[in-house]
Amino acid sequence: TIIEFSDYECPFCAKFYFETLPQLEKEYISTGKVKLVYRDFPLGFHQNAQKASEATEVARELGGNEKFWEMHDKIFENQDAITVSDLVKYAGEIGIDKTKFKEILDSGKYEDEVLQDLSDGQQAGVQGTPSFFINGKMLVGAQPFEAFKQVIEEELKG
């Protein structure tokens, strides 16, 4: 299991999303060898990261895990445009009722859940994003695929 602590506004998190995640997906996640768990770690100096994190949770509520990941992808692919109005637009693009989405997002329903992820990450030693735990072994930063592969292969043997 890979637990990723990430921030939707972090350029290094986007680098991981674009450069490393596709290879992990292909070799390990889609083959069922590895499970990826996304946890929110919105950094205080990123003004849109908290609401972006909440938006993925609203997407999950309204459309299940598939919509969570679709919103996750939309946000990383449009990282420079993630204001609340952008997030509402993306909800519509992935087939979620924009009115319901905005209502839930504006309510702050998922604020505490996102902050709990942040707190859990801090307690686990996360100081920046992205940070990963592969079966509990910490890997920090937008590491290349090979760095993940090395730890994953060791864990799969173990």
Protein backbone atom coordinates (compact mmCIF):
# COMPACT_ATOMS: atom_id res chain seq x y z
CA THR A 1 0.00 0.00 0.00
CA ILE A 2 1.23 3.45 -0.95
CA ILE A 3 -0.20 6.28 1.13
CA GLU A 4 0.31 9.61 -0.60
CA PHE A 5 0.08 12.90 1.29
CA SER A 6 -0.42 15.58 -1.33
CA ASP A 7 -1.47 19.17 -1.99
CA TYR A 8 -3.46 20.01 -5.12
CA GLU A 9 -1.61 23.31 -5.58
CA CYS A 10 1.90 21.91 -5.10
CA PRO A 11 4.00 21.87 -8.30
CA PHE A 12 6.00 18.86 -7.03
CA CYS A 13 2.75 16.95 -6.44
CA ALA A 14 1.77 17.73 -10.03
CA LYS A 15 5.18 16.51 -11.18
CA PHE A 16 4.51 13.19 -9.42
CA TYR A 17 1.01 13.07 -10.97
CA PHE A 18 2.28 13.61 -14.52
CA GLU A 19 5.63 11.80 -14.44
CA THR A 20 5.57 8.99 -11.88
CA LEU A 21 1.95 8.05 -11.20
CA PRO A 22 1.25 6.82 -14.77
CA GLN A 23 4.09 4.28 -14.49
CA LEU A 24 2.99 3.21 -11.00
CA GLU A 25 -0.55 2.84 -12.34
CA LYS A 26 0.58 0.72 -15.26
CA GLU A 27 3.02 -1.58 -13.47
CA TYR A 28 1.56 -1.91 -10.00
CA ILE A 29 -1.86 -0.37 -9.35
CA SER A 30 -3.80 -1.66 -12.38
CA THR A 31 -2.21 -5.11 -11.92
CA GLY A 32 -3.48 -5.25 -8.34
CA LYS A 33 0.01 -5.51 -6.80
CA VAL A 34 -0.23 -2.10 -5.11
CA LYS A 35 -3.06 -0.03 -3.68
CA LEU A 36 -2.80 3.78 -3.68
CA VAL A 37 -4.43 5.78 -0.89
CA TYR A 38 -4.62 9.54 -1.38
CA ARG A 39 -4.53 11.71 1.75
CA ASP A 40 -4.87 15.48 1.78
CA PHE A 41 -2.03 17.68 3.02
CA PRO A 42 -3.04 21.22 2.01
CA LEU A 43 -0.17 23.58 2.75
CA GLY A 44 -1.21 26.81 4.44
CA PHE A 45 0.42 29.05 1.84
CA HIS A 46 -1.59 27.49 -1.00
CA GLN A 47 -4.83 29.46 -0.91
CA ASN A 48 -6.91 27.03 -3.01
CA ALA A 49 -5.55 23.70 -1.77
CA GLN A 50 -8.00 23.24 1.12
CA LYS A 51 -11.12 23.78 -1.03
CA ALA A 52 -9.65 21.63 -3.82
CA SER A 53 -9.23 18.81 -1.30
CA GLU A 54 -12.78 19.30 -0.08
CA ALA A 55 -13.99 19.25 -3.71
CA THR A 56 -12.68 15.73 -4.25
CA GLU A 57 -14.56 14.56 -1.15
CA VAL A 58 -17.77 16.20 -2.40
CA ALA A 59 -17.24 14.48 -5.76
CA ARG A 60 -16.90 11.14 -3.92
CA GLU A 61 -20.12 11.79 -1.99
CA LEU A 62 -22.07 12.57 -5.16
CA GLY A 63 -20.51 10.00 -7.49
CA GLY A 64 -18.42 7.45 -5.60
CA ASN A 65 -14.71 6.70 -5.82
CA GLU A 66 -14.70 7.01 -9.61
CA LYS A 67 -15.77 10.66 -9.39
CA PHE A 68 -13.24 11.29 -6.59
CA TRP A 69 -10.43 10.21 -8.94
CA GLU A 70 -11.91 12.10 -11.90
CA MET A 71 -11.98 15.30 -9.83
CA HIS A 72 -8.46 14.55 -8.51
CA ASP A 73 -7.23 14.27 -12.10
CA LYS A 74 -9.10 17.42 -13.27
CA ILE A 75 -7.56 19.45 -10.47
CA PHE A 76 -3.99 18.34 -11.17
CA GLU A 77 -4.48 18.81 -14.91
CA ASN A 78 -5.74 22.37 -14.32
CA GLN A 79 -3.61 23.26 -11.31
CA ASP A 80 -3.44 26.96 -12.18
CA ALA A 81 -7.24 27.29 -12.15
CA ILE A 82 -8.71 25.79 -8.97
CA THR A 83 -10.83 28.50 -7.41
CA VAL A 84 -14.27 27.47 -6.12
CA SER A 85 -15.88 28.56 -9.41
CA ASP A 86 -13.34 26.45 -11.34
CA LEU A 87 -14.07 23.46 -9.11
CA VAL A 88 -17.81 23.82 -9.70
CA LYS A 89 -17.17 23.96 -13.47
CA TYR A 90 -15.06 20.77 -13.27
CA ALA A 91 -17.82 19.03 -11.31
CA GLY A 92 -20.16 19.67 -14.23
CA GLU A 93 -17.54 18.45 -16.70
CA ILE A 94 -17.24 15.11 -14.91
CA GLY A 95 -21.01 14.67 -14.74
CA ILE A 96 -21.82 15.84 -11.23
CA ASP A 97 -24.78 18.12 -10.49
CA LYS A 98 -23.10 21.52 -10.13
CA THR A 99 -25.78 22.98 -7.85
CA LYS A 100 -25.57 20.11 -5.35
CA PHE A 101 -21.78 20.12 -5.60
CA LYS A 102 -21.49 23.86 -4.85
CA GLU A 103 -24.02 23.63 -2.01
CA ILE A 104 -22.02 20.88 -0.27
CA LEU A 105 -18.64 22.49 -1.02
CA ASP A 106 -19.81 25.85 0.34
CA SER A 107 -21.19 24.20 3.49
CA GLY A 108 -17.68 23.20 4.60
CA LYS A 109 -18.91 19.65 5.26
CA TYR A 110 -15.50 18.12 4.45
CA GLU A 111 -13.26 20.79 5.99
CA ASP A 112 -12.63 18.76 9.16
CA GLU A 113 -11.95 15.56 7.21
CA VAL A 114 -9.27 17.30 5.14
CA LEU A 115 -7.77 18.86 8.27
CA GLN A 116 -7.73 15.41 9.91
CA ASP A 117 -5.65 14.09 6.99
CA LEU A 118 -3.27 17.02 7.49
CA SER A 119 -3.02 16.28 11.21
CA ASP A 120 -2.48 12.54 10.59
CA GLY A 121 0.29 13.39 8.13
CA GLN A 122 1.98 15.73 10.58
CA GLN A 123 1.83 13.06 13.30
CA ALA A 124 3.41 10.58 10.87
CA GLY A 125 6.28 12.98 10.19
CA VAL A 126 5.15 14.59 6.95
CA GLN A 127 6.69 18.04 6.59
CA GLY A 128 6.17 18.72 2.89
CA THR A 129 4.46 17.47 -0.22
CA PRO A 130 4.36 15.06 -1.77
CA SER A 131 5.26 12.52 0.89
CA PHE A 132 4.61 8.81 0.59
CA PHE A 133 4.53 5.79 2.85
CA ILE A 134 5.08 2.48 1.08
CA ASN A 135 4.08 -0.16 3.63
CA GLY A 136 5.16 2.37 6.24
CA LYS A 137 8.51 3.28 4.62
CA MET A 138 8.67 7.02 3.99
CA LEU A 139 9.64 8.44 0.61
CA VAL A 140 9.67 12.24 0.33
CA GLY A 141 9.35 14.45 -2.74
CA ALA A 142 8.52 13.99 -6.40
CA GLN A 143 10.74 10.94 -6.71
CA PRO A 144 11.29 9.19 -10.03
CA PHE A 145 9.51 5.92 -10.73
CA GLU A 146 12.72 3.96 -10.04
CA ALA A 147 12.78 5.14 -6.41
CA PHE A 148 9.25 3.79 -5.91
CA LYS A 149 10.00 0.60 -7.82
CA GLN A 150 12.97 -0.18 -5.59
CA VAL A 151 10.92 0.05 -2.37
CA ILE A 152 7.86 -1.67 -3.89
CA GLU A 153 9.90 -4.61 -5.18
CA GLU A 154 11.53 -5.06 -1.75
CA GLU A 155 8.10 -5.01 -0.12
CA LEU A 156 6.59 -7.44 -2.61
CA LYS A 157 9.40 -9.93 -1.87
CA GLY A 158 9.06 -9.45 1.89
